[in-house]
Amino acid sequence: GRLRPGLAPRNFYGFDERALLTSSGAAAVLEIDSLAVLPGQAGPAWRRQLLEPLRVRLESALRAPLAPEQAALLAALVLGRRQGVDPRTSEAWQALGLVHIISISGMHVGLVAGALLALCGSPYRRRGLLGLLGGVWFYAALGGLGPTVLRASWMATWAAVALHLGRGRQPLRTLGLASLALVIQSPARRHDV
């Protein structure tokens, strides 16, 4: 492998790899030519035994009817599995500042929440609240529970509960509660908030 310094953003408000490295205490990026995944137990047991088999089945169902390139992109968009995405495609999206679209993020959680609202109804009603919360957190778990997904899921949770309780919309308070939940869950994520 090779070590290289972090890259500066290529356009205004683009992804700043240098800032990310600095905030996480890293000095460089290790680029490798190949990677071998060794068999063994990684991650929490509930994720290995419950979610991973489901993610594998969903990914194979998504990939079955499509050409490999399109299937890899769909798996990245829906499940956050970017392993099969062509590196040139990924680099092009990153150069355009659009890499967040093929990474599961708050945008994806928002789309899922919108679909769940259409299916389950308003969170003012109990059925709508439970459907929204269950669906959002199920999708967050399928997506790997990254910081952006957790933040958006917590925001959806707090907003839905506030509406259910008749408290109205308070986006800054919702963002603050979501950020606090992230930091409490993992203090090392304070830079991801």
C-alpha atoms as a PDB file:
ATOM      1  CA  GLY A   1       0.000   0.000   0.000  1.00  0.00           C
ATOM      2  CA  ARG A   2       0.879   3.680  -0.230  1.00  0.00           C
ATOM      3  CA  LEU A   3       0.349   6.527   2.216  1.00  0.00           C
ATOM      4  CA  ARG A   4      -0.803   9.849   0.810  1.00  0.00           C
ATOM      5  CA  PRO A   5      -1.937  13.134   2.350  1.00  0.00           C
ATOM      6  CA  GLY A   6      -5.625  14.008   2.377  1.00  0.00           C
ATOM      7  CA  LEU A   7      -7.082  15.719  -0.685  1.00  0.00           C
ATOM      8  CA  ALA A   8      -8.403  19.270  -0.712  1.00  0.00           C
ATOM      9  CA  PRO A   9     -11.951  19.869  -1.996  1.00  0.00           C
ATOM     10  CA  ARG A  10     -12.183  20.207  -5.768  1.00  0.00           C
ATOM     11  CA  ASN A  11     -15.130  22.595  -5.722  1.00  0.00           C
ATOM     12  CA  PHE A  12     -16.821  24.979  -3.307  1.00  0.00           C
ATOM     13  CA  TYR A  13     -18.289  23.162  -0.311  1.00  0.00           C
ATOM     14  CA  GLY A  14     -17.033  19.849  -1.703  1.00  0.00           C
ATOM     15  CA  PHE A  15     -15.807  16.952   0.387  1.00  0.00           C
ATOM     16  CA  ASP A  16     -12.685  18.006   2.306  1.00  0.00           C
ATOM     17  CA  GLU A  17     -10.694  14.861   2.999  1.00  0.00           C
ATOM     18  CA  ARG A  18      -7.946  16.825   4.780  1.00  0.00           C
ATOM     19  CA  ALA A  19     -10.409  18.275   7.286  1.00  0.00           C
ATOM     20  CA  LEU A  20     -11.918  14.843   7.908  1.00  0.00           C
ATOM     21  CA  LEU A  21      -8.495  13.343   8.574  1.00  0.00           C
ATOM     22  CA  THR A  22      -7.547  16.194  10.891  1.00  0.00           C
ATOM     23  CA  SER A  23     -10.797  15.972  12.864  1.00  0.00           C
ATOM     24  CA  SER A  24     -10.447  12.223  13.339  1.00  0.00           C
ATOM     25  CA  GLY A  25      -6.765  12.416  14.330  1.00  0.00           C
ATOM     26  CA  ALA A  26      -5.460  10.683  11.201  1.00  0.00           C
ATOM     27  CA  ALA A  27      -2.353  11.851   9.366  1.00  0.00           C
ATOM     28  CA  ALA A  28      -2.714  10.168   5.970  1.00  0.00           C
ATOM     29  CA  VAL A  29      -4.757   7.844   3.781  1.00  0.00           C
ATOM     30  CA  LEU A  30      -3.540   4.321   3.084  1.00  0.00           C
ATOM     31  CA  GLU A  31      -4.248   3.319  -0.511  1.00  0.00           C
ATOM     32  CA  ILE A  32      -4.091  -0.405  -1.205  1.00  0.00           C
ATOM     33  CA  ASP A  33      -4.132  -2.439  -4.390  1.00  0.00           C
ATOM     34  CA  SER A  34      -6.033  -5.417  -3.024  1.00  0.00           C
ATOM     35  CA  LEU A  35      -7.835  -6.471   0.105  1.00  0.00           C
ATOM     36  CA  ALA A  36      -8.590  -9.907   1.433  1.00  0.00           C
ATOM     37  CA  VAL A  37     -11.423 -10.317   3.905  1.00  0.00           C
ATOM     38  CA  LEU A  38     -10.533 -13.026   6.370  1.00  0.00           C
ATOM     39  CA  PRO A  39     -13.212 -15.287   7.795  1.00  0.00           C
ATOM     40  CA  GLY A  40     -14.154 -14.662  11.369  1.00  0.00           C
ATOM     41  CA  GLN A  41     -16.499 -12.865  13.679  1.00  0.00           C
ATOM     42  CA  ALA A  42     -16.692  -9.098  13.171  1.00  0.00           C
ATOM     43  CA  GLY A  43     -19.169  -6.639  14.595  1.00  0.00           C
ATOM     44  CA  PRO A  44     -21.969  -7.194  17.082  1.00  0.00           C
ATOM     45  CA  ALA A  45     -23.666 -10.602  17.070  1.00  0.00           C
ATOM     46  CA  TRP A  46     -27.127  -9.173  16.294  1.00  0.00           C
ATOM     47  CA  ARG A  47     -25.760  -7.538  13.158  1.00  0.00           C
ATOM     48  CA  ARG A  48     -23.891 -10.669  12.010  1.00  0.00           C
ATOM     49  CA  GLN A  49     -26.740 -13.081  12.674  1.00  0.00           C
ATOM     50  CA  LEU A  50     -29.832 -11.019  11.856  1.00  0.00           C
ATOM     51  CA  LEU A  51     -29.001  -8.149   9.551  1.00  0.00           C
ATOM     52  CA  GLU A  52     -26.137  -9.421   7.436  1.00  0.00           C
ATOM     53  CA  PRO A  53     -28.051 -12.417   6.008  1.00  0.00           C
ATOM     54  CA  LEU A  54     -30.964 -10.093   5.226  1.00  0.00           C
ATOM     55  CA  ARG A  55     -28.663  -7.553   3.566  1.00  0.00           C
ATOM     56  CA  VAL A  56     -27.094 -10.320   1.466  1.00  0.00           C
ATOM     57  CA  ARG A  57     -30.514 -11.573   0.321  1.00  0.00           C
ATOM     58  CA  LEU A  58     -31.717  -8.058  -0.478  1.00  0.00           C
ATOM     59  CA  GLU A  59     -28.536  -7.295  -2.380  1.00  0.00           C
ATOM     60  CA  SER A  60     -28.826 -10.441  -4.479  1.00  0.00           C
ATOM     61  CA  ALA A  61     -32.485  -9.617  -5.216  1.00  0.00           C
ATOM     62  CA  LEU A  62     -31.492  -6.084  -6.281  1.00  0.00           C
ATOM     63  CA  ARG A  63     -28.626  -7.343  -8.442  1.00  0.00           C
ATOM     64  CA  ALA A  64     -30.478 -10.190 -10.184  1.00  0.00           C
ATOM     65  CA  PRO A  65     -32.358  -8.270 -12.913  1.00  0.00           C
ATOM     66  CA  LEU A  66     -29.655  -5.694 -13.713  1.00  0.00           C
ATOM     67  CA  ALA A  67     -26.292  -5.488 -15.434  1.00  0.00           C
ATOM     68  CA  PRO A  68     -23.383  -5.623 -12.946  1.00  0.00           C
ATOM     69  CA  GLU A  69     -22.533  -1.910 -13.148  1.00  0.00           C
ATOM     70  CA  GLN A  70     -26.126  -0.767 -12.589  1.00  0.00           C
ATOM     71  CA  ALA A  71     -26.690  -3.409  -9.917  1.00  0.00           C
ATOM     72  CA  ALA A  72     -23.654  -2.234  -7.958  1.00  0.00           C
ATOM     73  CA  LEU A  73     -24.880   1.356  -8.094  1.00  0.00           C
ATOM     74  CA  LEU A  74     -28.369   0.319  -6.921  1.00  0.00           C
ATOM     75  CA  ALA A  75     -26.897  -1.717  -4.040  1.00  0.00           C
ATOM     76  CA  ALA A  76     -24.882   1.363  -3.007  1.00  0.00           C
ATOM     77  CA  LEU A  77     -27.949   3.617  -3.188  1.00  0.00           C
ATOM     78  CA  VAL A  78     -30.284   1.297  -1.279  1.00  0.00           C
ATOM     79  CA  LEU A  79     -28.071  -0.697   1.098  1.00  0.00           C
ATOM     80  CA  GLY A  80     -24.872   1.319   1.347  1.00  0.00           C
ATOM     81  CA  ARG A  81     -22.819  -1.527  -0.131  1.00  0.00           C
ATOM     82  CA  ARG A  82     -20.298   0.248  -2.338  1.00  0.00           C
ATOM     83  CA  GLN A  83     -17.921  -2.674  -2.895  1.00  0.00           C
ATOM     84  CA  GLY A  84     -19.086  -3.380  -6.439  1.00  0.00           C
ATOM     85  CA  VAL A  85     -19.194   0.230  -7.669  1.00  0.00           C
ATOM     86  CA  ASP A  86     -16.628   0.876 -10.390  1.00  0.00           C
ATOM     87  CA  PRO A  87     -13.793   2.981  -8.888  1.00  0.00           C
ATOM     88  CA  ARG A  88     -13.931   5.373 -11.864  1.00  0.00           C
ATOM     89  CA  THR A  89     -17.641   5.956 -11.240  1.00  0.00           C
ATOM     90  CA  SER A  90     -17.019   6.558  -7.552  1.00  0.00           C
ATOM     91  CA  GLU A  91     -14.164   8.981  -8.304  1.00  0.00           C
ATOM     92  CA  ALA A  92     -16.320  10.867 -10.822  1.00  0.00           C
ATOM     93  CA  TRP A  93     -19.136  11.280  -8.276  1.00  0.00           C
ATOM     94  CA  GLN A  94     -16.602  12.418  -5.678  1.00  0.00           C
ATOM     95  CA  ALA A  95     -15.026  14.931  -8.094  1.00  0.00           C
ATOM     96  CA  LEU A  96     -18.481  16.391  -8.738  1.00  0.00           C
ATOM     97  CA  GLY A  97     -19.181  16.643  -5.010  1.00  0.00           C
ATOM     98  CA  LEU A  98     -22.047  14.137  -5.307  1.00  0.00           C
ATOM     99  CA  VAL A  99     -20.553  11.143  -3.496  1.00  0.00           C
ATOM    100  CA  HIS A 100     -23.158  11.598  -0.733  1.00  0.00           C
ATOM    101  CA  ILE A 101     -25.797  10.370  -3.189  1.00  0.00           C
ATOM    102  CA  ILE A 102     -24.232   6.904  -3.439  1.00  0.00           C
ATOM    103  CA  SER A 103     -23.549   6.780   0.293  1.00  0.00           C
ATOM    104  CA  ILE A 104     -26.496   6.160   2.572  1.00  0.00           C
ATOM    105  CA  SER A 105     -27.157   9.482   4.256  1.00  0.00           C
ATOM    106  CA  GLY A 106     -29.881  11.610   5.752  1.00  0.00           C
ATOM    107  CA  MET A 107     -31.323  12.144   2.278  1.00  0.00           C
ATOM    108  CA  HIS A 108     -32.007   8.427   1.965  1.00  0.00           C
ATOM    109  CA  VAL A 109     -33.532   8.239   5.448  1.00  0.00           C
ATOM    110  CA  GLY A 110     -35.743  11.198   4.520  1.00  0.00           C
ATOM    111  CA  LEU A 111     -36.932   9.434   1.352  1.00  0.00           C
ATOM    112  CA  VAL A 112     -37.709   6.279   3.335  1.00  0.00           C
ATOM    113  CA  ALA A 113     -39.534   8.342   5.981  1.00  0.00           C
ATOM    114  CA  GLY A 114     -41.597  10.029   3.263  1.00  0.00           C
ATOM    115  CA  ALA A 115     -42.562   6.687   1.755  1.00  0.00           C
ATOM    116  CA  LEU A 116     -43.469   5.370   5.203  1.00  0.00           C
ATOM    117  CA  LEU A 117     -45.650   8.416   5.861  1.00  0.00           C
ATOM    118  CA  ALA A 118     -47.499   7.707   2.622  1.00  0.00           C
ATOM    119  CA  LEU A 119     -47.937   4.027   3.568  1.00  0.00           C
ATOM    120  CA  CYS A 120     -48.601   4.228   7.307  1.00  0.00           C
ATOM    121  CA  GLY A 121     -50.193   7.625   7.705  1.00  0.00           C
ATOM    122  CA  SER A 122     -49.455  10.575   9.927  1.00  0.00           C
ATOM    123  CA  PRO A 123     -47.406  10.240  13.132  1.00  0.00           C
ATOM    124  CA  TYR A 124     -50.291  11.978  14.898  1.00  0.00           C
ATOM    125  CA  ARG A 125     -51.897   8.520  14.922  1.00  0.00           C
ATOM    126  CA  ARG A 126     -50.279   5.623  16.748  1.00  0.00           C
ATOM    127  CA  ARG A 127     -50.159   3.408  13.637  1.00  0.00           C
ATOM    128  CA  GLY A 128     -48.337   6.128  11.691  1.00  0.00           C
ATOM    129  CA  LEU A 129     -45.885   6.749  14.524  1.00  0.00           C
ATOM    130  CA  LEU A 130     -45.021   3.074  15.000  1.00  0.00           C
ATOM    131  CA  GLY A 131     -44.770   2.444  11.251  1.00  0.00           C
ATOM    132  CA  LEU A 132     -42.499   5.436  10.742  1.00  0.00           C
ATOM    133  CA  LEU A 133     -40.212   4.677  13.668  1.00  0.00           C
ATOM    134  CA  GLY A 134     -40.003   0.949  12.948  1.00  0.00           C
ATOM    135  CA  GLY A 135     -39.324   1.493   9.254  1.00  0.00           C
ATOM    136  CA  VAL A 136     -36.758   4.263   9.708  1.00  0.00           C
ATOM    137  CA  TRP A 137     -34.755   2.308  12.284  1.00  0.00           C
ATOM    138  CA  PHE A 138     -34.973  -0.904  10.254  1.00  0.00           C
ATOM    139  CA  TYR A 139     -33.590   0.964   7.229  1.00  0.00           C
ATOM    140  CA  ALA A 140     -30.899   2.586   9.401  1.00  0.00           C
ATOM    141  CA  ALA A 141     -29.809  -0.858  10.598  1.00  0.00           C
ATOM    142  CA  LEU A 142     -29.779  -2.196   7.023  1.00  0.00           C
ATOM    143  CA  GLY A 143     -27.692   0.804   5.979  1.00  0.00           C
ATOM    144  CA  GLY A 144     -25.003   0.094   8.548  1.00  0.00           C
ATOM    145  CA  LEU A 145     -25.836   2.687  11.240  1.00  0.00           C
ATOM    146  CA  GLY A 146     -23.291   5.267  10.071  1.00  0.00           C
ATOM    147  CA  PRO A 147     -23.198   8.712  11.717  1.00  0.00           C
ATOM    148  CA  THR A 148     -25.263  10.488   9.048  1.00  0.00           C
ATOM    149  CA  VAL A 149     -27.871   7.731   9.056  1.00  0.00           C
ATOM    150  CA  LEU A 150     -28.053   7.739  12.847  1.00  0.00           C
ATOM    151  CA  ARG A 151     -28.396  11.527  12.951  1.00  0.00           C
ATOM    152  CA  ALA A 152     -31.225  11.499  10.410  1.00  0.00           C
ATOM    153  CA  SER A 153     -32.935   8.557  12.130  1.00  0.00           C
ATOM    154  CA  TRP A 154     -32.794  10.305  15.496  1.00  0.00           C
ATOM    155  CA  MET A 155     -34.154  13.475  13.913  1.00  0.00           C
ATOM    156  CA  ALA A 156     -37.030  11.538  12.345  1.00  0.00           C
ATOM    157  CA  THR A 157     -37.678   9.864  15.699  1.00  0.00           C
ATOM    158  CA  TRP A 158     -37.753  13.105  17.710  1.00  0.00           C
ATOM    159  CA  ALA A 159     -39.851  14.920  15.084  1.00  0.00           C
ATOM    160  CA  ALA A 160     -42.401  12.074  14.855  1.00  0.00           C
ATOM    161  CA  VAL A 161     -42.703  11.760  18.636  1.00  0.00           C
ATOM    162  CA  ALA A 162     -43.107  15.544  18.979  1.00  0.00           C
ATOM    163  CA  LEU A 163     -45.887  15.537  16.375  1.00  0.00           C
ATOM    164  CA  HIS A 164     -47.552  12.569  18.062  1.00  0.00           C
ATOM    165  CA  LEU A 165     -47.501  14.420  21.381  1.00  0.00           C
ATOM    166  CA  GLY A 166     -48.807  17.608  19.768  1.00  0.00           C
ATOM    167  CA  ARG A 167     -45.598  19.567  20.329  1.00  0.00           C
ATOM    168  CA  GLY A 168     -45.235  20.827  16.751  1.00  0.00           C
ATOM    169  CA  ARG A 169     -42.157  21.075  14.583  1.00  0.00           C
ATOM    170  CA  GLN A 170     -38.945  22.382  16.106  1.00  0.00           C
ATOM    171  CA  PRO A 171     -36.127  21.491  13.694  1.00  0.00           C
ATOM    172  CA  LEU A 172     -33.246  23.014  15.686  1.00  0.00           C
ATOM    173  CA  ARG A 173     -34.313  21.247  18.869  1.00  0.00           C
ATOM    174  CA  THR A 174     -34.678  18.019  16.886  1.00  0.00           C
ATOM    175  CA  LEU A 175     -31.173  18.428  15.437  1.00  0.00           C
ATOM    176  CA  GLY A 176     -29.800  19.167  18.895  1.00  0.00           C
ATOM    177  CA  LEU A 177     -31.414  16.075  20.416  1.00  0.00           C
ATOM    178  CA  ALA A 178     -30.168  13.932  17.528  1.00  0.00           C
ATOM    179  CA  SER A 179     -26.632  15.271  17.963  1.00  0.00           C
ATOM    180  CA  LEU A 180     -26.772  14.711  21.710  1.00  0.00           C
ATOM    181  CA  ALA A 181     -27.948  11.115  21.186  1.00  0.00           C
ATOM    182  CA  LEU A 182     -25.029  10.493  18.814  1.00  0.00           C
ATOM    183  CA  VAL A 183     -22.451  11.867  21.231  1.00  0.00           C
ATOM    184  CA  ILE A 184     -23.915   9.954  24.171  1.00  0.00           C
ATOM    185  CA  GLN A 185     -23.922   6.733  22.158  1.00  0.00           C
ATOM    186  CA  SER A 186     -20.314   7.247  21.027  1.00  0.00           C
ATOM    187  CA  PRO A 187     -18.286  10.215  22.323  1.00  0.00           C
ATOM    188  CA  ALA A 188     -15.682   9.592  19.587  1.00  0.00           C
ATOM    189  CA  ARG A 189     -18.321  10.704  17.050  1.00  0.00           C
ATOM    190  CA  ARG A 190     -18.389  14.272  18.344  1.00  0.00           C
ATOM    191  CA  HIS A 191     -16.732  15.400  15.087  1.00  0.00           C
ATOM    192  CA  ASP A 192     -19.385  13.613  12.988  1.00  0.00           C
ATOM    193  CA  VAL A 193     -22.224  15.631  14.479  1.00  0.00           C
END
